[in-house]
Amino acid sequence: MELPAVTGTLDIYIAEINRFTILTAEEEFKLAVNLKKYNDMAAAEKLVVSNLRFVVKIAHEYRNYGLKLSDLIQEGNIGLMHAVKKFDPYKGYRLISYA
């Protein structure tokens, strides 16, 4: 699966990331466990792409700080990838709360 990139218009990017469904807590837990136990990079990718729309939502809240929205989204995506890597599913929190 190719990850969507923030290129062109943001409308196109947002349409692309809206194709990915938001995970249930159970789906998220299973994927996170697979990532932790087996270093399953497909699970990591699914965790990332399923939460990209949250990054856009949060980036919108910071758009008046003098940075381009696309830059905020890209930085948020990097932060999400770091959060996925460090996320501990056994603590009982959802990934997006941790991120």
PDB file of N, CA and C in Angstrom:
ATOM      1  N   MET A   1       0.847  -1.169   0.000  1.00  0.00           N
ATOM      2  CA  MET A   1       0.000   0.000   0.000  1.00  0.00           C
ATOM      3  C   MET A   1       0.893   1.232   0.000  1.00  0.00           C
ATOM      4  N   GLU A   2       0.565   2.187  -0.819  1.00  0.00           N
ATOM      5  CA  GLU A   2       1.336   3.427  -0.872  1.00  0.00           C
ATOM      6  C   GLU A   2       0.667   4.457   0.024  1.00  0.00           C
ATOM      7  N   LEU A   3       1.461   5.040   0.907  1.00  0.00           N
ATOM      8  CA  LEU A   3       0.932   6.047   1.810  1.00  0.00           C
ATOM      9  C   LEU A   3       0.644   7.328   1.048  1.00  0.00           C
ATOM     10  N   PRO A   4      -0.451   8.006   1.382  1.00  0.00           N
ATOM     11  CA  PRO A   4      -0.747   9.265   0.712  1.00  0.00           C
ATOM     12  C   PRO A   4       0.271  10.328   1.099  1.00  0.00           C
ATOM     13  N   ALA A   5       0.595  11.185   0.151  1.00  0.00           N
ATOM     14  CA  ALA A   5       1.552  12.264   0.393  1.00  0.00           C
ATOM     15  C   ALA A   5       0.837  13.602   0.321  1.00  0.00           C
ATOM     16  N   VAL A   6       1.333  14.566   1.086  1.00  0.00           N
ATOM     17  CA  VAL A   6       0.755  15.906   1.072  1.00  0.00           C
ATOM     18  C   VAL A   6       1.365  16.652  -0.104  1.00  0.00           C
ATOM     19  N   THR A   7       0.824  16.419  -1.284  1.00  0.00           N
ATOM     20  CA  THR A   7       1.254  17.123  -2.489  1.00  0.00           C
ATOM     21  C   THR A   7       0.005  17.621  -3.195  1.00  0.00           C
ATOM     22  N   GLY A   8       0.166  18.576  -4.085  1.00  0.00           N
ATOM     23  CA  GLY A   8      -1.005  19.120  -4.770  1.00  0.00           C
ATOM     24  C   GLY A   8      -1.873  19.875  -3.779  1.00  0.00           C
ATOM     25  N   THR A   9      -3.162  19.752  -3.952  1.00  0.00           N
ATOM     26  CA  THR A   9      -4.062  20.464  -3.050  1.00  0.00           C
ATOM     27  C   THR A   9      -4.361  19.618  -1.823  1.00  0.00           C
ATOM     28  N   LEU A  10      -4.654  20.289  -0.742  1.00  0.00           N
ATOM     29  CA  LEU A  10      -5.010  19.577   0.484  1.00  0.00           C
ATOM     30  C   LEU A  10      -6.325  18.831   0.321  1.00  0.00           C
ATOM     31  N   ASP A  11      -7.200  19.335  -0.540  1.00  0.00           N
ATOM     32  CA  ASP A  11      -8.478  18.652  -0.766  1.00  0.00           C
ATOM     33  C   ASP A  11      -8.253  17.242  -1.298  1.00  0.00           C
ATOM     34  N   ILE A  12      -7.286  17.091  -2.198  1.00  0.00           N
ATOM     35  CA  ILE A  12      -6.982  15.768  -2.753  1.00  0.00           C
ATOM     36  C   ILE A  12      -6.420  14.873  -1.654  1.00  0.00           C
ATOM     37  N   TYR A  13      -5.508  15.395  -0.862  1.00  0.00           N
ATOM     38  CA  TYR A  13      -4.919  14.625   0.234  1.00  0.00           C
ATOM     39  C   TYR A  13      -5.998  14.176   1.217  1.00  0.00           C
ATOM     40  N   ILE A  14      -6.877  15.090   1.586  1.00  0.00           N
ATOM     41  CA  ILE A  14      -7.936  14.752   2.536  1.00  0.00           C
ATOM     42  C   ILE A  14      -8.866  13.697   1.955  1.00  0.00           C
ATOM     43  N   ALA A  15      -9.172  13.805   0.668  1.00  0.00           N
ATOM     44  CA  ALA A  15      -9.998  12.777   0.023  1.00  0.00           C
ATOM     45  C   ALA A  15      -9.294  11.422   0.059  1.00  0.00           C
ATOM     46  N   GLU A  16      -7.983  11.421  -0.144  1.00  0.00           N
ATOM     47  CA  GLU A  16      -7.223  10.164  -0.112  1.00  0.00           C
ATOM     48  C   GLU A  16      -7.222   9.543   1.278  1.00  0.00           C
ATOM     49  N   ILE A  17      -7.006  10.334   2.303  1.00  0.00           N
ATOM     50  CA  ILE A  17      -6.936   9.750   3.646  1.00  0.00           C
ATOM     51  C   ILE A  17      -8.316   9.353   4.163  1.00  0.00           C
ATOM     52  N   ASN A  18      -9.365   9.944   3.628  1.00  0.00           N
ATOM     53  CA  ASN A  18     -10.713   9.551   4.040  1.00  0.00           C
ATOM     54  C   ASN A  18     -11.095   8.171   3.525  1.00  0.00           C
ATOM     55  N   ARG A  19     -10.301   7.611   2.613  1.00  0.00           N
ATOM     56  CA  ARG A  19     -10.554   6.246   2.129  1.00  0.00           C
ATOM     57  C   ARG A  19     -10.281   5.217   3.221  1.00  0.00           C
ATOM     58  N   PHE A  20      -9.421   5.566   4.164  1.00  0.00           N
ATOM     59  CA  PHE A  20      -9.041   4.632   5.218  1.00  0.00           C
ATOM     60  C   PHE A  20     -10.047   4.698   6.357  1.00  0.00           C
ATOM     61  N   THR A  21     -10.489   3.526   6.790  1.00  0.00           N
ATOM     62  CA  THR A  21     -11.476   3.484   7.865  1.00  0.00           C
ATOM     63  C   THR A  21     -10.798   3.695   9.216  1.00  0.00           C
ATOM     64  N   ILE A  22     -11.559   4.251  10.131  1.00  0.00           N
ATOM     65  CA  ILE A  22     -11.081   4.408  11.500  1.00  0.00           C
ATOM     66  C   ILE A  22     -11.219   3.052  12.178  1.00  0.00           C
ATOM     67  N   LEU A  23     -10.197   2.649  12.885  1.00  0.00           N
ATOM     68  CA  LEU A  23     -10.182   1.339  13.521  1.00  0.00           C
ATOM     69  C   LEU A  23     -11.031   1.321  14.785  1.00  0.00           C
ATOM     70  N   THR A  24     -11.612   0.166  15.049  1.00  0.00           N
ATOM     71  CA  THR A  24     -12.255  -0.029  16.342  1.00  0.00           C
ATOM     72  C   THR A  24     -11.157  -0.227  17.377  1.00  0.00           C
ATOM     73  N   ALA A  25     -11.516  -0.141  18.642  1.00  0.00           N
ATOM     74  CA  ALA A  25     -10.529  -0.357  19.709  1.00  0.00           C
ATOM     75  C   ALA A  25      -9.937  -1.761  19.618  1.00  0.00           C
ATOM     76  N   GLU A  26     -10.763  -2.732  19.289  1.00  0.00           N
ATOM     77  CA  GLU A  26     -10.291  -4.117  19.178  1.00  0.00           C
ATOM     78  C   GLU A  26      -9.319  -4.287  18.008  1.00  0.00           C
ATOM     79  N   GLU A  27      -9.653  -3.708  16.849  1.00  0.00           N
ATOM     80  CA  GLU A  27      -8.759  -3.789  15.686  1.00  0.00           C
ATOM     81  C   GLU A  27      -7.422  -3.120  15.991  1.00  0.00           C
ATOM     82  N   GLU A  28      -7.501  -1.953  16.605  1.00  0.00           N
ATOM     83  CA  GLU A  28      -6.292  -1.211  16.951  1.00  0.00           C
ATOM     84  C   GLU A  28      -5.416  -2.020  17.911  1.00  0.00           C
ATOM     85  N   PHE A  29      -6.032  -2.637  18.903  1.00  0.00           N
ATOM     86  CA  PHE A  29      -5.289  -3.437  19.876  1.00  0.00           C
ATOM     87  C   PHE A  29      -4.573  -4.594  19.190  1.00  0.00           C
ATOM     88  N   LYS A  30      -5.286  -5.319  18.333  1.00  0.00           N
ATOM     89  CA  LYS A  30      -4.689  -6.468  17.641  1.00  0.00           C
ATOM     90  C   LYS A  30      -3.511  -6.041  16.768  1.00  0.00           C
ATOM     91  N   LEU A  31      -3.679  -4.948  16.034  1.00  0.00           N
ATOM     92  CA  LEU A  31      -2.591  -4.460  15.187  1.00  0.00           C
ATOM     93  C   LEU A  31      -1.387  -4.026  16.021  1.00  0.00           C
ATOM     94  N   ALA A  32      -1.654  -3.325  17.113  1.00  0.00           N
ATOM     95  CA  ALA A  32      -0.564  -2.852  17.967  1.00  0.00           C
ATOM     96  C   ALA A  32       0.176  -4.021  18.618  1.00  0.00           C
ATOM     97  N   VAL A  33      -0.554  -5.060  18.994  1.00  0.00           N
ATOM     98  CA  VAL A  33       0.087  -6.252  19.564  1.00  0.00           C
ATOM     99  C   VAL A  33       0.956  -6.926  18.507  1.00  0.00           C
ATOM    100  N   ASN A  34       0.445  -7.039  17.281  1.00  0.00           N
ATOM    101  CA  ASN A  34       1.242  -7.632  16.199  1.00  0.00           C
ATOM    102  C   ASN A  34       2.510  -6.827  15.936  1.00  0.00           C
ATOM    103  N   LEU A  35       2.400  -5.521  16.011  1.00  0.00           N
ATOM    104  CA  LEU A  35       3.578  -4.675  15.823  1.00  0.00           C
ATOM    105  C   LEU A  35       4.594  -4.918  16.936  1.00  0.00           C
ATOM    106  N   LYS A  36       4.126  -4.942  18.180  1.00  0.00           N
ATOM    107  CA  LYS A  36       5.031  -5.140  19.321  1.00  0.00           C
ATOM    108  C   LYS A  36       5.675  -6.525  19.311  1.00  0.00           C
ATOM    109  N   LYS A  37       4.854  -7.559  19.107  1.00  0.00           N
ATOM    110  CA  LYS A  37       5.356  -8.936  19.218  1.00  0.00           C
ATOM    111  C   LYS A  37       6.185  -9.377  18.021  1.00  0.00           C
ATOM    112  N   TYR A  38       5.716  -9.012  16.819  1.00  0.00           N
ATOM    113  CA  TYR A  38       6.313  -9.561  15.598  1.00  0.00           C
ATOM    114  C   TYR A  38       6.975  -8.515  14.710  1.00  0.00           C
ATOM    115  N   ASN A  39       7.027  -7.260  15.186  1.00  0.00           N
ATOM    116  CA  ASN A  39       7.557  -6.161  14.374  1.00  0.00           C
ATOM    117  C   ASN A  39       6.855  -6.110  13.013  1.00  0.00           C
ATOM    118  N   ASP A  40       5.547  -6.279  13.042  1.00  0.00           N
ATOM    119  CA  ASP A  40       4.709  -6.337  11.841  1.00  0.00           C
ATOM    120  C   ASP A  40       4.539  -4.933  11.264  1.00  0.00           C
ATOM    121  N   MET A  41       5.305  -4.629  10.214  1.00  0.00           N
ATOM    122  CA  MET A  41       5.269  -3.289   9.632  1.00  0.00           C
ATOM    123  C   MET A  41       3.966  -3.015   8.884  1.00  0.00           C
ATOM    124  N   ALA A  42       3.293  -4.052   8.407  1.00  0.00           N
ATOM    125  CA  ALA A  42       1.977  -3.858   7.783  1.00  0.00           C
ATOM    126  C   ALA A  42       0.983  -3.378   8.837  1.00  0.00           C
ATOM    127  N   ALA A  43       1.100  -3.888  10.049  1.00  0.00           N
ATOM    128  CA  ALA A  43       0.242  -3.436  11.147  1.00  0.00           C
ATOM    129  C   ALA A  43       0.552  -1.979  11.490  1.00  0.00           C
ATOM    130  N   ALA A  44       1.832  -1.626  11.494  1.00  0.00           N
ATOM    131  CA  ALA A  44       2.231  -0.241  11.772  1.00  0.00           C
ATOM    132  C   ALA A  44       1.648   0.702  10.726  1.00  0.00           C
ATOM    133  N   GLU A  45       1.742   0.300   9.471  1.00  0.00           N
ATOM    134  CA  GLU A  45       1.207   1.134   8.386  1.00  0.00           C
ATOM    135  C   GLU A  45      -0.299   1.324   8.538  1.00  0.00           C
ATOM    136  N   LYS A  46      -0.999   0.255   8.870  1.00  0.00           N
ATOM    137  CA  LYS A  46      -2.454   0.336   9.047  1.00  0.00           C
ATOM    138  C   LYS A  46      -2.796   1.263  10.214  1.00  0.00           C
ATOM    139  N   LEU A  47      -2.029   1.187  11.285  1.00  0.00           N
ATOM    140  CA  LEU A  47      -2.254   2.081  12.419  1.00  0.00           C
ATOM    141  C   LEU A  47      -2.035   3.539  12.019  1.00  0.00           C
ATOM    142  N   VAL A  48      -1.021   3.794  11.218  1.00  0.00           N
ATOM    143  CA  VAL A  48      -0.739   5.166  10.786  1.00  0.00           C
ATOM    144  C   VAL A  48      -1.842   5.685   9.874  1.00  0.00           C
ATOM    145  N   VAL A  49      -2.130   4.959   8.798  1.00  0.00           N
ATOM    146  CA  VAL A  49      -3.082   5.491   7.810  1.00  0.00           C
ATOM    147  C   VAL A  49      -4.492   5.614   8.376  1.00  0.00           C
ATOM    148  N   SER A  50      -4.816   4.795   9.357  1.00  0.00           N
ATOM    149  CA  SER A  50      -6.148   4.867   9.954  1.00  0.00           C
ATOM    150  C   SER A  50      -6.313   6.071  10.867  1.00  0.00           C
ATOM    151  N   ASN A  51      -5.222   6.734  11.196  1.00  0.00           N
ATOM    152  CA  ASN A  51      -5.281   7.892  12.091  1.00  0.00           C
ATOM    153  C   ASN A  51      -4.859   9.200  11.432  1.00  0.00           C
ATOM    154  N   LEU A  52      -4.625   9.186  10.128  1.00  0.00           N
ATOM    155  CA  LEU A  52      -4.174  10.401   9.441  1.00  0.00           C
ATOM    156  C   LEU A  52      -5.195  11.531   9.503  1.00  0.00           C
ATOM    157  N   ARG A  53      -6.471  11.203   9.487  1.00  0.00           N
ATOM    158  CA  ARG A  53      -7.474  12.282   9.524  1.00  0.00           C
ATOM    159  C   ARG A  53      -7.448  13.033  10.854  1.00  0.00           C
ATOM    160  N   PHE A  54      -7.027  12.353  11.929  1.00  0.00           N
ATOM    161  CA  PHE A  54      -6.892  13.035  13.217  1.00  0.00           C
ATOM    162  C   PHE A  54      -5.747  14.044  13.174  1.00  0.00           C
ATOM    163  N   VAL A  55      -4.689  13.705  12.451  1.00  0.00           N
ATOM    164  CA  VAL A  55      -3.558  14.630  12.294  1.00  0.00           C
ATOM    165  C   VAL A  55      -4.034  15.904  11.600  1.00  0.00           C
ATOM    166  N   VAL A  56      -4.829  15.751  10.558  1.00  0.00           N
ATOM    167  CA  VAL A  56      -5.347  16.916   9.826  1.00  0.00           C
ATOM    168  C   VAL A  56      -6.214  17.765  10.746  1.00  0.00           C
ATOM    169  N   LYS A  57      -7.052  17.113  11.534  1.00  0.00           N
ATOM    170  CA  LYS A  57      -7.930  17.839  12.460  1.00  0.00           C
ATOM    171  C   LYS A  57      -7.106  18.668  13.446  1.00  0.00           C
ATOM    172  N   ILE A  58      -6.079  18.067  14.011  1.00  0.00           N
ATOM    173  CA  ILE A  58      -5.246  18.775  14.982  1.00  0.00           C
ATOM    174  C   ILE A  58      -4.431  19.869  14.300  1.00  0.00           C
ATOM    175  N   ALA A  59      -3.929  19.603  13.103  1.00  0.00           N
ATOM    176  CA  ALA A  59      -3.153  20.611  12.367  1.00  0.00           C
ATOM    177  C   ALA A  59      -3.996  21.855  12.093  1.00  0.00           C
ATOM    178  N   HIS A  60      -5.281  21.670  11.826  1.00  0.00           N
ATOM    179  CA  HIS A  60      -6.177  22.815  11.593  1.00  0.00           C
ATOM    180  C   HIS A  60      -6.230  23.732  12.814  1.00  0.00           C
ATOM    181  N   GLU A  61      -6.114  23.164  13.996  1.00  0.00           N
ATOM    182  CA  GLU A  61      -6.169  23.965  15.219  1.00  0.00           C
ATOM    183  C   GLU A  61      -4.943  24.868  15.377  1.00  0.00           C
ATOM    184  N   TYR A  62      -3.841  24.551  14.668  1.00  0.00           N
ATOM    185  CA  TYR A  62      -2.594  25.310  14.794  1.00  0.00           C
ATOM    186  C   TYR A  62      -2.255  26.118  13.543  1.00  0.00           C
ATOM    187  N   ARG A  63      -3.181  26.254  12.632  1.00  0.00           N
ATOM    188  CA  ARG A  63      -2.872  26.905  11.356  1.00  0.00           C
ATOM    189  C   ARG A  63      -2.645  28.405  11.473  1.00  0.00           C
ATOM    190  N   ASN A  64      -3.012  29.027  12.563  1.00  0.00           N
ATOM    191  CA  ASN A  64      -2.823  30.473  12.723  1.00  0.00           C
ATOM    192  C   ASN A  64      -1.500  30.831  13.400  1.00  0.00           C
ATOM    193  N   TYR A  65      -0.563  29.903  13.429  1.00  0.00           N
ATOM    194  CA  TYR A  65       0.729  30.137  14.070  1.00  0.00           C
ATOM    195  C   TYR A  65       1.815  30.512  13.072  1.00  0.00           C
ATOM    196  N   GLY A  66       1.444  30.827  11.843  1.00  0.00           N
ATOM    197  CA  GLY A  66       2.409  31.295  10.861  1.00  0.00           C
ATOM    198  C   GLY A  66       3.026  30.216   9.992  1.00  0.00           C
ATOM    199  N   LEU A  67       2.596  28.980  10.150  1.00  0.00           N
ATOM    200  CA  LEU A  67       3.107  27.889   9.319  1.00  0.00           C
ATOM    201  C   LEU A  67       2.042  27.452   8.329  1.00  0.00           C
ATOM    202  N   LYS A  68       2.494  26.901   7.217  1.00  0.00           N
ATOM    203  CA  LYS A  68       1.546  26.387   6.233  1.00  0.00           C
ATOM    204  C   LYS A  68       0.867  25.146   6.793  1.00  0.00           C
ATOM    205  N   LEU A  69      -0.394  24.993   6.460  1.00  0.00           N
ATOM    206  CA  LEU A  69      -1.153  23.841   6.925  1.00  0.00           C
ATOM    207  C   LEU A  69      -0.503  22.541   6.464  1.00  0.00           C
ATOM    208  N   SER A  70      -0.002  22.525   5.233  1.00  0.00           N
ATOM    209  CA  SER A  70       0.636  21.301   4.726  1.00  0.00           C
ATOM    210  C   SER A  70       1.875  20.944   5.548  1.00  0.00           C
ATOM    211  N   ASP A  71       2.632  21.951   5.999  1.00  0.00           N
ATOM    212  CA  ASP A  71       3.805  21.688   6.846  1.00  0.00           C
ATOM    213  C   ASP A  71       3.387  21.118   8.201  1.00  0.00           C
ATOM    214  N   LEU A  72       2.326  21.676   8.761  1.00  0.00           N
ATOM    215  CA  LEU A  72       1.824  21.171  10.038  1.00  0.00           C
ATOM    216  C   LEU A  72       1.373  19.719   9.913  1.00  0.00           C
ATOM    217  N   ILE A  73       0.706  19.403   8.812  1.00  0.00           N
ATOM    218  CA  ILE A  73       0.238  18.036   8.593  1.00  0.00           C
ATOM    219  C   ILE A  73       1.419  17.086   8.454  1.00  0.00           C
ATOM    220  N   GLN A  74       2.424  17.491   7.697  1.00  0.00           N
ATOM    221  CA  GLN A  74       3.595  16.627   7.524  1.00  0.00           C
ATOM    222  C   GLN A  74       4.303  16.370   8.853  1.00  0.00           C
ATOM    223  N   GLU A  75       4.463  17.397   9.648  1.00  0.00           N
ATOM    224  CA  GLU A  75       5.092  17.219  10.963  1.00  0.00           C
ATOM    225  C   GLU A  75       4.225  16.337  11.856  1.00  0.00           C
ATOM    226  N   GLY A  76       2.912  16.529  11.774  1.00  0.00           N
ATOM    227  CA  GLY A  76       2.000  15.691  12.550  1.00  0.00           C
ATOM    228  C   GLY A  76       2.069  14.237  12.135  1.00  0.00           C
ATOM    229  N   ASN A  77       2.224  13.996  10.840  1.00  0.00           N
ATOM    230  CA  ASN A  77       2.348  12.621  10.350  1.00  0.00           C
ATOM    231  C   ASN A  77       3.610  11.958  10.892  1.00  0.00           C
ATOM    232  N   ILE A  78       4.696  12.711  10.950  1.00  0.00           N
ATOM    233  CA  ILE A  78       5.939  12.174  11.515  1.00  0.00           C
ATOM    234  C   ILE A  78       5.741  11.855  12.999  1.00  0.00           C
ATOM    235  N   GLY A  79       5.079  12.750  13.701  1.00  0.00           N
ATOM    236  CA  GLY A  79       4.782  12.508  15.115  1.00  0.00           C
ATOM    237  C   GLY A  79       3.918  11.273  15.313  1.00  0.00           C
ATOM    238  N   LEU A  80       2.961  11.078  14.419  1.00  0.00           N
ATOM    239  CA  LEU A  80       2.100   9.893  14.490  1.00  0.00           C
ATOM    240  C   LEU A  80       2.915   8.624  14.295  1.00  0.00           C
ATOM    241  N   MET A  81       3.850   8.649  13.359  1.00  0.00           N
ATOM    242  CA  MET A  81       4.693   7.466  13.132  1.00  0.00           C
ATOM    243  C   MET A  81       5.542   7.150  14.364  1.00  0.00           C
ATOM    244  N   HIS A  82       6.060   8.181  15.016  1.00  0.00           N
ATOM    245  CA  HIS A  82       6.820   7.968  16.254  1.00  0.00           C
ATOM    246  C   HIS A  82       5.909   7.394  17.342  1.00  0.00           C
ATOM    247  N   ALA A  83       4.694   7.916  17.436  1.00  0.00           N
ATOM    248  CA  ALA A  83       3.751   7.438  18.447  1.00  0.00           C
ATOM    249  C   ALA A  83       3.392   5.976  18.216  1.00  0.00           C
ATOM    250  N   VAL A  84       3.192   5.590  16.955  1.00  0.00           N
ATOM    251  CA  VAL A  84       2.876   4.194  16.638  1.00  0.00           C
ATOM    252  C   VAL A  84       4.020   3.293  17.088  1.00  0.00           C
ATOM    253  N   LYS A  85       5.236   3.734  16.856  1.00  0.00           N
ATOM    254  CA  LYS A  85       6.414   2.934  17.216  1.00  0.00           C
ATOM    255  C   LYS A  85       6.499   2.719  18.733  1.00  0.00           C
ATOM    256  N   LYS A  86       6.135   3.735  19.518  1.00  0.00           N
ATOM    257  CA  LYS A  86       6.283   3.666  20.972  1.00  0.00           C
ATOM    258  C   LYS A  86       5.011   3.235  21.700  1.00  0.00           C
ATOM    259  N   PHE A  87       3.912   3.122  20.998  1.00  0.00           N
ATOM    260  CA  PHE A  87       2.611   2.841  21.611  1.00  0.00           C
ATOM    261  C   PHE A  87       2.604   1.483  22.306  1.00  0.00           C
ATOM    262  N   ASP A  88       2.080   1.462  23.528  1.00  0.00           N
ATOM    263  CA  ASP A  88       1.933   0.219  24.288  1.00  0.00           C
ATOM    264  C   ASP A  88       0.447  -0.105  24.408  1.00  0.00           C
ATOM    265  N   PRO A  89      -0.044  -1.094  23.648  1.00  0.00           N
ATOM    266  CA  PRO A  89      -1.477  -1.394  23.650  1.00  0.00           C
ATOM    267  C   PRO A  89      -1.975  -1.959  24.975  1.00  0.00           C
ATOM    268  N   TYR A  90      -1.079  -2.434  25.811  1.00  0.00           N
ATOM    269  CA  TYR A  90      -1.477  -3.067  27.068  1.00  0.00           C
ATOM    270  C   TYR A  90      -1.828  -2.064  28.168  1.00  0.00           C
ATOM    271  N   LYS A  91      -1.592  -0.790  27.935  1.00  0.00           N
ATOM    272  CA  LYS A  91      -1.904   0.225  28.943  1.00  0.00           C
ATOM    273  C   LYS A  91      -3.371   0.644  28.934  1.00  0.00           C
ATOM    274  N   GLY A  92      -4.119   0.213  27.915  1.00  0.00           N
ATOM    275  CA  GLY A  92      -5.555   0.471  27.906  1.00  0.00           C
ATOM    276  C   GLY A  92      -5.993   1.768  27.251  1.00  0.00           C
ATOM    277  N   TYR A  93      -5.084   2.491  26.641  1.00  0.00           N
ATOM    278  CA  TYR A  93      -5.420   3.740  25.963  1.00  0.00           C
ATOM    279  C   TYR A  93      -5.514   3.506  24.464  1.00  0.00           C
ATOM    280  N   ARG A  94      -6.251   4.377  23.786  1.00  0.00           N
ATOM    281  CA  ARG A  94      -6.280   4.349  22.328  1.00  0.00           C
ATOM    282  C   ARG A  94      -5.040   5.068  21.806  1.00  0.00           C
ATOM    283  N   LEU A  95      -4.620   4.686  20.616  1.00  0.00           N
ATOM    284  CA  LEU A  95      -3.421   5.275  20.015  1.00  0.00           C
ATOM    285  C   LEU A  95      -3.549   6.784  19.885  1.00  0.00           C
ATOM    286  N   ILE A  96      -4.672   7.257  19.427  1.00  0.00           N
ATOM    287  CA  ILE A  96      -4.812   8.691  19.171  1.00  0.00           C
ATOM    288  C   ILE A  96      -4.737   9.488  20.475  1.00  0.00           C
ATOM    289  N   SER A  97      -5.140   8.893  21.592  1.00  0.00           N
ATOM    290  CA  SER A  97      -4.990   9.554  22.895  1.00  0.00           C
ATOM    291  C   SER A  97      -3.526   9.630  23.283  1.00  0.00           C
ATOM    292  N   TYR A  98      -2.784   8.593  22.947  1.00  0.00           N
ATOM    293  CA  TYR A  98      -1.357   8.549  23.248  1.00  0.00           C
ATOM    294  C   TYR A  98      -0.587   9.515  22.358  1.00  0.00           C
ATOM    295  N   ALA A  99      -0.948   9.544  21.075  1.00  0.00           N
ATOM    296  CA  ALA A  99      -0.233  10.373  20.108  1.00  0.00           C
ATOM    297  C   ALA A  99      -0.430  11.831  20.441  1.00  0.00           C
TER     298      ALA A  99
END
